[in-house]
Amino acid sequence: MNGEKKEGFNRFALKIIIPLIFLGVVLGIWGLKNSNAGFASEGSPNFDFALHVTESLEIEQLKSYGLPIIIDFGADSCIPCKEMAPVLKELNEELQGRAIVKFVDVWKYKELAKGYPINLIPTQVFIDAEGKPYKPKDPDAMQMNLYTLRDSEEHVFTTHEGSLSKEQLLVILEEMGLT
């Protein structure tokens, strides 16, 4: 009788327990591999390099990398913003570790635009590799807006309003210190 119980248990183990263990291992590996999905660009576990911003921007943290920064303030449902979306995604992926490219949906996350001179969307804010507001060689030709403090004349923001092509953004990034 003991032999029959042992044989029944072996069949049960082979049919049920072993496949469950295998499934658990596979799901565990898949879960670990995909635990950062949606938070950062593919291949990058660092939130600072994720394209989409959903929480407050830690500008000082971003500046600490010593990379040029572009923050595009727009909306997923704005037509010019939709035109720029694939360009921003491409640049974010292609320039990982060489530049920081961010997108803030100001219709979903209005509070994230506070403190920035956003009058219309899309508006891009530019910070050079030294962590300072970008100073273009020819702001008028590039249709850039330079903001200074009234009291001290300190340059605090450089923005562009409207869409920019990938080529235009690359020229700006190179002038801002892209290597």
N, C-alpha and C. Protein backbone atom coordinates (compact mmCIF):
# COMPACT_ATOMS: atom_id res chain seq x y z
N MET A 1 0.82 -1.18 0.00
CA MET A 1 0.00 0.00 0.00
C MET A 1 0.87 1.25 0.00
N ASN A 2 1.99 1.23 0.72
CA ASN A 2 2.87 2.39 0.75
C ASN A 2 3.42 2.70 -0.63
N GLY A 3 3.70 1.70 -1.41
CA GLY A 3 4.22 1.88 -2.76
C GLY A 3 3.21 2.58 -3.64
N GLU A 4 1.92 2.26 -3.47
CA GLU A 4 0.87 2.91 -4.26
C GLU A 4 0.74 4.38 -3.90
N LYS A 5 0.85 4.73 -2.61
CA LYS A 5 0.77 6.14 -2.18
C LYS A 5 1.95 6.93 -2.74
N LYS A 6 3.13 6.33 -2.68
CA LYS A 6 4.33 6.99 -3.17
C LYS A 6 4.23 7.22 -4.68
N GLU A 7 3.74 6.24 -5.40
CA GLU A 7 3.59 6.36 -6.85
C GLU A 7 2.54 7.42 -7.19
N GLY A 8 1.45 7.48 -6.42
CA GLY A 8 0.41 8.50 -6.63
C GLY A 8 0.94 9.90 -6.37
N PHE A 9 1.75 10.03 -5.32
CA PHE A 9 2.34 11.33 -5.01
C PHE A 9 3.30 11.76 -6.12
N ASN A 10 4.11 10.84 -6.64
CA ASN A 10 5.04 11.16 -7.72
C ASN A 10 4.32 11.65 -8.96
N ARG A 11 3.20 11.01 -9.30
CA ARG A 11 2.40 11.45 -10.45
C ARG A 11 1.84 12.85 -10.20
N PHE A 12 1.33 13.07 -8.98
CA PHE A 12 0.78 14.37 -8.60
C PHE A 12 1.87 15.45 -8.72
N ALA A 13 3.05 15.16 -8.22
CA ALA A 13 4.16 16.10 -8.27
C ALA A 13 4.54 16.42 -9.71
N LEU A 14 4.61 15.39 -10.53
CA LEU A 14 4.98 15.60 -11.93
C LEU A 14 3.93 16.40 -12.68
N LYS A 15 2.67 16.18 -12.41
CA LYS A 15 1.58 16.82 -13.15
C LYS A 15 1.23 18.21 -12.63
N ILE A 16 1.35 18.46 -11.35
CA ILE A 16 0.86 19.70 -10.75
C ILE A 16 1.97 20.55 -10.12
N ILE A 17 2.68 20.03 -9.18
CA ILE A 17 3.63 20.82 -8.40
C ILE A 17 4.78 21.34 -9.24
N ILE A 18 5.40 20.50 -10.02
CA ILE A 18 6.55 20.92 -10.82
C ILE A 18 6.15 22.00 -11.84
N PRO A 19 5.04 21.85 -12.60
CA PRO A 19 4.66 22.95 -13.50
C PRO A 19 4.35 24.25 -12.75
N LEU A 20 3.77 24.17 -11.55
CA LEU A 20 3.50 25.38 -10.77
C LEU A 20 4.79 26.07 -10.34
N ILE A 21 5.77 25.30 -9.93
CA ILE A 21 7.07 25.86 -9.56
C ILE A 21 7.71 26.52 -10.78
N PHE A 22 7.68 25.84 -11.90
CA PHE A 22 8.24 26.39 -13.14
C PHE A 22 7.55 27.70 -13.51
N LEU A 23 6.23 27.73 -13.45
CA LEU A 23 5.46 28.92 -13.76
C LEU A 23 5.82 30.06 -12.81
N GLY A 24 5.97 29.75 -11.53
CA GLY A 24 6.35 30.76 -10.54
C GLY A 24 7.70 31.37 -10.83
N VAL A 25 8.66 30.55 -11.23
CA VAL A 25 10.00 31.04 -11.56
C VAL A 25 9.94 31.94 -12.79
N VAL A 26 9.23 31.51 -13.83
CA VAL A 26 9.10 32.30 -15.05
C VAL A 26 8.44 33.65 -14.75
N LEU A 27 7.34 33.65 -14.01
CA LEU A 27 6.66 34.90 -13.67
C LEU A 27 7.54 35.80 -12.80
N GLY A 28 8.30 35.22 -11.90
CA GLY A 28 9.22 35.99 -11.06
C GLY A 28 10.28 36.69 -11.88
N ILE A 29 10.87 35.97 -12.82
CA ILE A 29 11.89 36.55 -13.70
C ILE A 29 11.28 37.65 -14.56
N TRP A 30 10.11 37.41 -15.12
CA TRP A 30 9.43 38.41 -15.94
C TRP A 30 9.13 39.66 -15.11
N GLY A 31 8.67 39.48 -13.89
CA GLY A 31 8.35 40.61 -13.00
C GLY A 31 9.57 41.45 -12.69
N LEU A 32 10.69 40.80 -12.40
CA LEU A 32 11.93 41.54 -12.14
C LEU A 32 12.41 42.30 -13.36
N LYS A 33 12.31 41.66 -14.50
CA LYS A 33 12.77 42.28 -15.74
C LYS A 33 11.94 43.50 -16.11
N ASN A 34 10.66 43.49 -15.80
CA ASN A 34 9.76 44.58 -16.19
C ASN A 34 9.38 45.49 -15.04
N SER A 35 10.06 45.43 -13.92
CA SER A 35 9.67 46.23 -12.76
C SER A 35 9.85 47.72 -12.97
N ASN A 36 10.69 48.17 -13.91
CA ASN A 36 10.88 49.60 -14.16
C ASN A 36 10.05 50.10 -15.33
N ALA A 37 9.23 49.27 -15.93
CA ALA A 37 8.46 49.68 -17.11
C ALA A 37 7.59 50.87 -16.78
N GLY A 38 7.59 51.86 -17.69
CA GLY A 38 6.76 53.04 -17.55
C GLY A 38 7.41 54.15 -16.74
N PHE A 39 8.55 53.90 -16.10
CA PHE A 39 9.17 54.92 -15.28
C PHE A 39 10.37 55.56 -15.95
N ALA A 40 11.03 54.85 -16.80
CA ALA A 40 12.21 55.38 -17.47
C ALA A 40 12.25 54.83 -18.88
N SER A 41 13.04 55.46 -19.70
CA SER A 41 13.16 55.00 -21.07
C SER A 41 13.74 53.59 -21.08
N GLU A 42 13.44 52.85 -22.13
CA GLU A 42 13.90 51.49 -22.24
C GLU A 42 15.42 51.43 -22.06
N GLY A 43 15.87 50.53 -21.23
CA GLY A 43 17.29 50.38 -21.00
C GLY A 43 17.84 51.30 -19.91
N SER A 44 17.02 52.21 -19.40
CA SER A 44 17.50 53.13 -18.39
C SER A 44 16.69 52.97 -17.11
N PRO A 45 17.32 52.53 -16.03
CA PRO A 45 16.59 52.38 -14.78
C PRO A 45 16.50 53.69 -14.02
N ASN A 46 17.07 54.79 -14.53
CA ASN A 46 17.14 56.05 -13.82
C ASN A 46 15.96 56.94 -14.19
N PHE A 47 15.15 57.31 -13.19
CA PHE A 47 13.98 58.15 -13.42
C PHE A 47 14.36 59.52 -14.00
N ASP A 48 15.55 60.00 -13.69
CA ASP A 48 15.97 61.32 -14.17
C ASP A 48 16.04 61.38 -15.70
N PHE A 49 16.17 60.23 -16.34
CA PHE A 49 16.30 60.21 -17.79
C PHE A 49 15.01 59.78 -18.49
N ALA A 50 13.95 59.58 -17.74
CA ALA A 50 12.66 59.23 -18.34
C ALA A 50 12.12 60.43 -19.10
N LEU A 51 11.46 60.18 -20.21
CA LEU A 51 10.91 61.26 -21.03
C LEU A 51 9.73 61.94 -20.33
N HIS A 52 8.76 61.17 -19.92
CA HIS A 52 7.52 61.73 -19.37
C HIS A 52 7.66 62.08 -17.90
N VAL A 53 7.31 63.32 -17.58
CA VAL A 53 7.39 63.80 -16.20
C VAL A 53 5.98 63.80 -15.62
N THR A 54 5.83 63.14 -14.47
CA THR A 54 4.52 63.09 -13.81
C THR A 54 4.61 63.59 -12.37
N GLU A 55 5.82 63.87 -11.91
CA GLU A 55 6.04 64.40 -10.57
C GLU A 55 6.95 65.61 -10.70
N SER A 56 7.09 66.37 -9.62
CA SER A 56 7.86 67.61 -9.70
C SER A 56 9.26 67.37 -10.27
N LEU A 57 9.68 68.34 -11.08
CA LEU A 57 11.00 68.28 -11.70
C LEU A 57 12.06 68.65 -10.67
N GLU A 58 13.03 67.81 -10.51
CA GLU A 58 14.15 68.09 -9.62
C GLU A 58 15.26 68.70 -10.47
N ILE A 59 15.09 69.98 -10.80
CA ILE A 59 16.02 70.66 -11.71
C ILE A 59 17.46 70.60 -11.22
N GLU A 60 17.69 70.84 -9.95
CA GLU A 60 19.06 70.81 -9.43
C GLU A 60 19.68 69.42 -9.61
N GLN A 61 18.88 68.39 -9.41
CA GLN A 61 19.36 67.02 -9.62
C GLN A 61 19.71 66.81 -11.09
N LEU A 62 18.85 67.28 -12.00
CA LEU A 62 19.11 67.13 -13.42
C LEU A 62 20.37 67.90 -13.83
N LYS A 63 20.54 69.11 -13.30
CA LYS A 63 21.72 69.91 -13.62
C LYS A 63 23.00 69.23 -13.15
N SER A 64 22.92 68.45 -12.09
CA SER A 64 24.11 67.82 -11.52
C SER A 64 24.77 66.83 -12.48
N TYR A 65 24.07 66.39 -13.51
CA TYR A 65 24.64 65.46 -14.49
C TYR A 65 25.61 66.14 -15.46
N GLY A 66 25.54 67.48 -15.55
CA GLY A 66 26.42 68.20 -16.46
C GLY A 66 26.08 67.97 -17.92
N LEU A 67 24.78 67.80 -18.19
CA LEU A 67 24.30 67.55 -19.56
C LEU A 67 23.33 68.65 -19.97
N PRO A 68 23.25 68.95 -21.28
CA PRO A 68 22.22 69.89 -21.72
C PRO A 68 20.83 69.31 -21.46
N ILE A 69 19.89 70.20 -21.13
CA ILE A 69 18.53 69.78 -20.76
C ILE A 69 17.51 70.51 -21.62
N ILE A 70 16.57 69.75 -22.14
CA ILE A 70 15.40 70.32 -22.82
C ILE A 70 14.17 69.81 -22.08
N ILE A 71 13.32 70.74 -21.67
CA ILE A 71 12.04 70.35 -21.07
C ILE A 71 10.96 70.93 -21.97
N ASP A 72 10.17 70.05 -22.56
CA ASP A 72 9.08 70.46 -23.44
C ASP A 72 7.79 70.45 -22.63
N PHE A 73 7.16 71.61 -22.53
CA PHE A 73 5.86 71.74 -21.86
C PHE A 73 4.80 71.74 -22.95
N GLY A 74 3.96 70.71 -22.95
CA GLY A 74 2.94 70.58 -23.97
C GLY A 74 1.77 69.79 -23.44
N ALA A 75 1.08 69.10 -24.33
CA ALA A 75 -0.05 68.25 -23.94
C ALA A 75 -0.21 67.16 -24.99
N ASP A 76 -0.63 66.00 -24.52
CA ASP A 76 -0.82 64.86 -25.42
C ASP A 76 -1.88 65.13 -26.48
N SER A 77 -2.82 66.04 -26.20
CA SER A 77 -3.91 66.29 -27.14
C SER A 77 -3.74 67.56 -27.96
N CYS A 78 -2.61 68.21 -27.87
CA CYS A 78 -2.33 69.43 -28.65
C CYS A 78 -1.67 69.01 -29.97
N ILE A 79 -2.17 69.51 -31.11
CA ILE A 79 -1.68 69.06 -32.41
C ILE A 79 -0.18 69.34 -32.62
N PRO A 80 0.32 70.57 -32.39
CA PRO A 80 1.77 70.76 -32.55
C PRO A 80 2.58 69.90 -31.58
N CYS A 81 2.03 69.66 -30.40
CA CYS A 81 2.71 68.80 -29.41
C CYS A 81 2.77 67.37 -29.91
N LYS A 82 1.68 66.91 -30.54
CA LYS A 82 1.66 65.56 -31.10
C LYS A 82 2.71 65.41 -32.19
N GLU A 83 2.93 66.49 -32.96
CA GLU A 83 3.94 66.45 -34.01
C GLU A 83 5.34 66.34 -33.42
N MET A 84 5.55 66.96 -32.27
CA MET A 84 6.87 66.93 -31.63
C MET A 84 7.10 65.65 -30.83
N ALA A 85 6.05 64.97 -30.44
CA ALA A 85 6.17 63.80 -29.56
C ALA A 85 7.16 62.75 -30.08
N PRO A 86 7.08 62.33 -31.35
CA PRO A 86 8.04 61.32 -31.81
C PRO A 86 9.48 61.85 -31.83
N VAL A 87 9.66 63.14 -32.08
CA VAL A 87 10.99 63.74 -32.09
C VAL A 87 11.58 63.70 -30.68
N LEU A 88 10.78 64.09 -29.69
CA LEU A 88 11.24 64.07 -28.30
C LEU A 88 11.57 62.65 -27.86
N LYS A 89 10.74 61.70 -28.26
CA LYS A 89 10.97 60.30 -27.89
C LYS A 89 12.28 59.80 -28.50
N GLU A 90 12.49 60.10 -29.78
CA GLU A 90 13.72 59.69 -30.46
C GLU A 90 14.95 60.29 -29.78
N LEU A 91 14.90 61.60 -29.52
CA LEU A 91 16.04 62.26 -28.91
C LEU A 91 16.30 61.72 -27.51
N ASN A 92 15.23 61.47 -26.75
CA ASN A 92 15.38 60.93 -25.40
C ASN A 92 16.09 59.58 -25.45
N GLU A 93 15.72 58.74 -26.40
CA GLU A 93 16.32 57.41 -26.51
C GLU A 93 17.74 57.47 -27.07
N GLU A 94 17.94 58.28 -28.12
CA GLU A 94 19.23 58.33 -28.80
C GLU A 94 20.31 59.03 -27.97
N LEU A 95 19.91 59.97 -27.14
CA LEU A 95 20.90 60.79 -26.43
C LEU A 95 21.03 60.45 -24.96
N GLN A 96 20.55 59.27 -24.55
CA GLN A 96 20.68 58.86 -23.15
C GLN A 96 22.14 58.99 -22.70
N GLY A 97 22.35 59.67 -21.59
CA GLY A 97 23.69 59.86 -21.07
C GLY A 97 24.44 61.01 -21.69
N ARG A 98 23.88 61.64 -22.74
CA ARG A 98 24.53 62.77 -23.41
C ARG A 98 23.70 64.04 -23.29
N ALA A 99 22.40 63.88 -23.08
CA ALA A 99 21.48 65.02 -22.92
C ALA A 99 20.25 64.51 -22.16
N ILE A 100 19.53 65.43 -21.57
CA ILE A 100 18.30 65.08 -20.87
C ILE A 100 17.15 65.74 -21.63
N VAL A 101 16.21 64.92 -22.08
CA VAL A 101 15.05 65.40 -22.82
C VAL A 101 13.81 64.97 -22.05
N LYS A 102 12.98 65.95 -21.66
CA LYS A 102 11.80 65.70 -20.83
C LYS A 102 10.56 66.25 -21.52
N PHE A 103 9.41 65.67 -21.18
CA PHE A 103 8.12 66.16 -21.64
C PHE A 103 7.17 66.24 -20.46
N VAL A 104 6.52 67.40 -20.30
CA VAL A 104 5.54 67.61 -19.24
C VAL A 104 4.20 67.91 -19.89
N ASP A 105 3.19 67.09 -19.62
CA ASP A 105 1.84 67.34 -20.10
C ASP A 105 1.18 68.32 -19.12
N VAL A 106 1.11 69.59 -19.53
CA VAL A 106 0.61 70.64 -18.63
C VAL A 106 -0.91 70.62 -18.47
N TRP A 107 -1.60 69.88 -19.31
CA TRP A 107 -3.04 69.76 -19.12
C TRP A 107 -3.34 68.69 -18.07
N LYS A 108 -2.51 67.68 -17.99
CA LYS A 108 -2.68 66.64 -16.98
C LYS A 108 -2.01 67.03 -15.66
N TYR A 109 -0.87 67.72 -15.75
CA TYR A 109 -0.07 68.05 -14.56
C TYR A 109 0.23 69.54 -14.53
N LYS A 110 -0.81 70.34 -14.39
CA LYS A 110 -0.67 71.81 -14.41
C LYS A 110 0.35 72.32 -13.40
N GLU A 111 0.36 71.73 -12.23
CA GLU A 111 1.25 72.20 -11.16
C GLU A 111 2.73 72.08 -11.53
N LEU A 112 3.08 71.22 -12.49
CA LEU A 112 4.47 71.04 -12.87
C LEU A 112 5.00 72.19 -13.73
N ALA A 113 4.11 73.03 -14.24
CA ALA A 113 4.53 74.18 -15.05
C ALA A 113 4.72 75.44 -14.20
N LYS A 114 4.33 75.39 -12.94
CA LYS A 114 4.47 76.56 -12.07
C LYS A 114 5.94 76.94 -11.94
N GLY A 115 6.18 78.23 -12.06
CA GLY A 115 7.55 78.73 -11.94
C GLY A 115 8.27 78.83 -13.28
N TYR A 116 7.65 78.34 -14.34
CA TYR A 116 8.24 78.43 -15.67
C TYR A 116 7.42 79.40 -16.52
N PRO A 117 8.07 80.15 -17.42
CA PRO A 117 7.35 81.11 -18.25
C PRO A 117 6.63 80.43 -19.43
N ILE A 118 5.52 79.79 -19.14
CA ILE A 118 4.76 79.07 -20.17
C ILE A 118 3.52 79.88 -20.51
N ASN A 119 3.49 80.42 -21.72
CA ASN A 119 2.35 81.21 -22.18
C ASN A 119 1.50 80.45 -23.18
N LEU A 120 2.11 79.53 -23.90
CA LEU A 120 1.40 78.69 -24.86
C LEU A 120 2.16 77.38 -24.98
N ILE A 121 1.51 76.41 -25.60
CA ILE A 121 2.18 75.11 -25.77
C ILE A 121 2.26 74.76 -27.24
N PRO A 122 3.30 74.06 -27.62
CA PRO A 122 4.43 73.64 -26.81
C PRO A 122 5.41 74.78 -26.56
N THR A 123 6.03 74.75 -25.40
CA THR A 123 7.12 75.65 -25.04
C THR A 123 8.26 74.79 -24.52
N GLN A 124 9.45 75.04 -25.05
CA GLN A 124 10.63 74.32 -24.60
C GLN A 124 11.47 75.25 -23.73
N VAL A 125 11.98 74.70 -22.64
CA VAL A 125 12.91 75.40 -21.75
C VAL A 125 14.27 74.74 -21.94
N PHE A 126 15.31 75.57 -22.08
CA PHE A 126 16.65 75.07 -22.38
C PHE A 126 17.64 75.43 -21.27
N ILE A 127 18.39 74.43 -20.82
CA ILE A 127 19.43 74.61 -19.81
C ILE A 127 20.69 73.97 -20.37
N ASP A 128 21.78 74.73 -20.37
CA ASP A 128 23.01 74.21 -20.98
C ASP A 128 23.72 73.20 -20.07
N ALA A 129 24.79 72.63 -20.57
CA ALA A 129 25.51 71.57 -19.85
C ALA A 129 26.14 72.07 -18.55
N GLU A 130 26.29 73.38 -18.41
CA GLU A 130 26.84 73.95 -17.18
C GLU A 130 25.74 74.22 -16.15
N GLY A 131 24.50 73.91 -16.50
CA GLY A 131 23.39 74.11 -15.57
C GLY A 131 22.84 75.53 -15.58
N LYS A 132 23.18 76.28 -16.60
CA LYS A 132 22.73 77.67 -16.72
C LYS A 132 21.72 77.78 -17.86
N PRO A 133 20.85 78.80 -17.80
CA PRO A 133 19.94 79.00 -18.93
C PRO A 133 20.76 79.18 -20.22
N TYR A 134 20.35 78.49 -21.24
CA TYR A 134 21.02 78.52 -22.54
C TYR A 134 21.04 79.95 -23.09
N LYS A 135 22.21 80.37 -23.59
CA LYS A 135 22.36 81.68 -24.23
C LYS A 135 22.71 81.44 -25.70
N PRO A 136 21.70 81.45 -26.57
CA PRO A 136 21.97 81.19 -27.99
C PRO A 136 22.82 82.29 -28.61
N LYS A 137 23.61 81.92 -29.61
CA LYS A 137 24.45 82.90 -30.31
C LYS A 137 23.58 83.95 -30.99
N ASP A 138 22.46 83.50 -31.56
CA ASP A 138 21.56 84.42 -32.26
C ASP A 138 20.12 84.10 -31.85
N PRO A 139 19.67 84.65 -30.70
CA PRO A 139 18.33 84.31 -30.19
C PRO A 139 17.20 84.67 -31.15
N ASP A 140 17.36 85.77 -31.89
CA ASP A 140 16.30 86.17 -32.81
C ASP A 140 16.15 85.19 -33.97
N ALA A 141 17.26 84.74 -34.52
CA ALA A 141 17.23 83.79 -35.63
C ALA A 141 16.60 82.47 -35.19
N MET A 142 16.84 82.11 -33.94
CA MET A 142 16.30 80.85 -33.43
C MET A 142 14.93 81.04 -32.77
N GLN A 143 14.43 82.25 -32.78
CA GLN A 143 13.13 82.59 -32.18
C GLN A 143 13.07 82.18 -30.70
N MET A 144 14.13 82.53 -29.99
CA MET A 144 14.22 82.22 -28.57
C MET A 144 13.77 83.42 -27.73
N ASN A 145 13.21 83.12 -26.59
CA ASN A 145 12.84 84.15 -25.62
C ASN A 145 13.80 84.04 -24.45
N LEU A 146 14.45 85.15 -24.11
CA LEU A 146 15.37 85.18 -22.99
C LEU A 146 14.72 85.99 -21.87
N TYR A 147 14.64 85.39 -20.69
CA TYR A 147 14.01 86.03 -19.54
C TYR A 147 15.08 86.40 -18.53
N THR A 148 15.00 87.65 -18.05
CA THR A 148 15.93 88.13 -17.03
C THR A 148 15.15 88.72 -15.87
N LEU A 149 15.79 88.72 -14.71
CA LEU A 149 15.19 89.35 -13.54
C LEU A 149 15.32 90.86 -13.68
N ARG A 150 14.28 91.60 -13.32
CA ARG A 150 14.30 93.06 -13.45
C ARG A 150 15.36 93.71 -12.59
N ASP A 151 15.46 93.27 -11.36
CA ASP A 151 16.38 93.90 -10.42
C ASP A 151 17.85 93.67 -10.76
N SER A 152 18.20 92.42 -10.99
CA SER A 152 19.61 92.07 -11.15
C SER A 152 20.04 91.86 -12.60
N GLU A 153 19.08 91.82 -13.52
CA GLU A 153 19.36 91.52 -14.93
C GLU A 153 19.93 90.11 -15.12
N GLU A 154 19.76 89.26 -14.12
CA GLU A 154 20.24 87.88 -14.21
C GLU A 154 19.38 87.11 -15.22
N HIS A 155 20.04 86.40 -16.12
CA HIS A 155 19.35 85.57 -17.12
C HIS A 155 18.84 84.31 -16.42
N VAL A 156 17.51 84.09 -16.43
CA VAL A 156 16.95 82.98 -15.67
C VAL A 156 16.28 81.90 -16.52
N PHE A 157 15.82 82.23 -17.73
CA PHE A 157 15.20 81.24 -18.60
C PHE A 157 15.47 81.57 -20.06
N THR A 158 15.57 80.52 -20.85
CA THR A 158 15.54 80.64 -22.31
C THR A 158 14.49 79.66 -22.78
N THR A 159 13.54 80.15 -23.56
CA THR A 159 12.46 79.29 -24.06
C THR A 159 12.28 79.47 -25.57
N HIS A 160 11.58 78.54 -26.13
CA HIS A 160 11.09 78.62 -27.51
C HIS A 160 9.63 78.22 -27.48
N GLU A 161 8.80 78.98 -28.17
CA GLU A 161 7.37 78.66 -28.23
C GLU A 161 7.04 78.11 -29.61
N GLY A 162 6.38 76.96 -29.64
CA GLY A 162 6.03 76.31 -30.89
C GLY A 162 6.86 75.06 -31.10
N SER A 163 6.65 74.43 -32.25
CA SER A 163 7.33 73.18 -32.57
C SER A 163 8.74 73.42 -33.06
N LEU A 164 9.58 72.43 -32.84
CA LEU A 164 10.93 72.41 -33.38
C LEU A 164 11.17 71.03 -33.99
N SER A 165 11.94 71.00 -35.05
CA SER A 165 12.27 69.72 -35.69
C SER A 165 13.42 69.06 -34.94
N LYS A 166 13.66 67.81 -35.25
CA LYS A 166 14.77 67.08 -34.66
C LYS A 166 16.09 67.78 -35.00
N GLU A 167 16.23 68.21 -36.25
CA GLU A 167 17.44 68.87 -36.69
C GLU A 167 17.66 70.17 -35.91
N GLN A 168 16.60 70.97 -35.73
CA GLN A 168 16.72 72.21 -34.97
C GLN A 168 17.12 71.92 -33.52
N LEU A 169 16.50 70.93 -32.92
CA LEU A 169 16.82 70.58 -31.53
C LEU A 169 18.26 70.10 -31.41
N LEU A 170 18.75 69.34 -32.38
CA LEU A 170 20.14 68.87 -32.34
C LEU A 170 21.12 70.04 -32.45
N VAL A 171 20.82 71.02 -33.28
CA VAL A 171 21.68 72.21 -33.40
C VAL A 171 21.73 72.94 -32.06
N ILE A 172 20.57 73.10 -31.43
CA ILE A 172 20.49 73.76 -30.13
C ILE A 172 21.26 72.96 -29.08
N LEU A 173 21.06 71.64 -29.06
CA LEU A 173 21.74 70.79 -28.08
C LEU A 173 23.26 70.88 -28.25
N GLU A 174 23.74 70.88 -29.49
CA GLU A 174 25.18 70.99 -29.73
C GLU A 174 25.71 72.31 -29.22
N GLU A 175 24.96 73.39 -29.44
CA GLU A 175 25.37 74.70 -28.95
C GLU A 175 25.33 74.74 -27.41
N MET A 176 24.49 73.91 -26.81
CA MET A 176 24.36 73.87 -25.36
C MET A 176 25.39 72.93 -24.71
N GLY A 177 26.20 72.24 -25.50
CA GLY A 177 27.25 71.42 -24.92
C GLY A 177 27.12 69.92 -25.15
N LEU A 178 26.25 69.50 -26.07
CA LEU A 178 26.12 68.07 -26.38
C LEU A 178 27.44 67.58 -26.96
N THR A 179 27.91 66.46 -26.43
CA THR A 179 29.17 65.89 -26.95
C THR A 179 28.89 64.61 -27.70
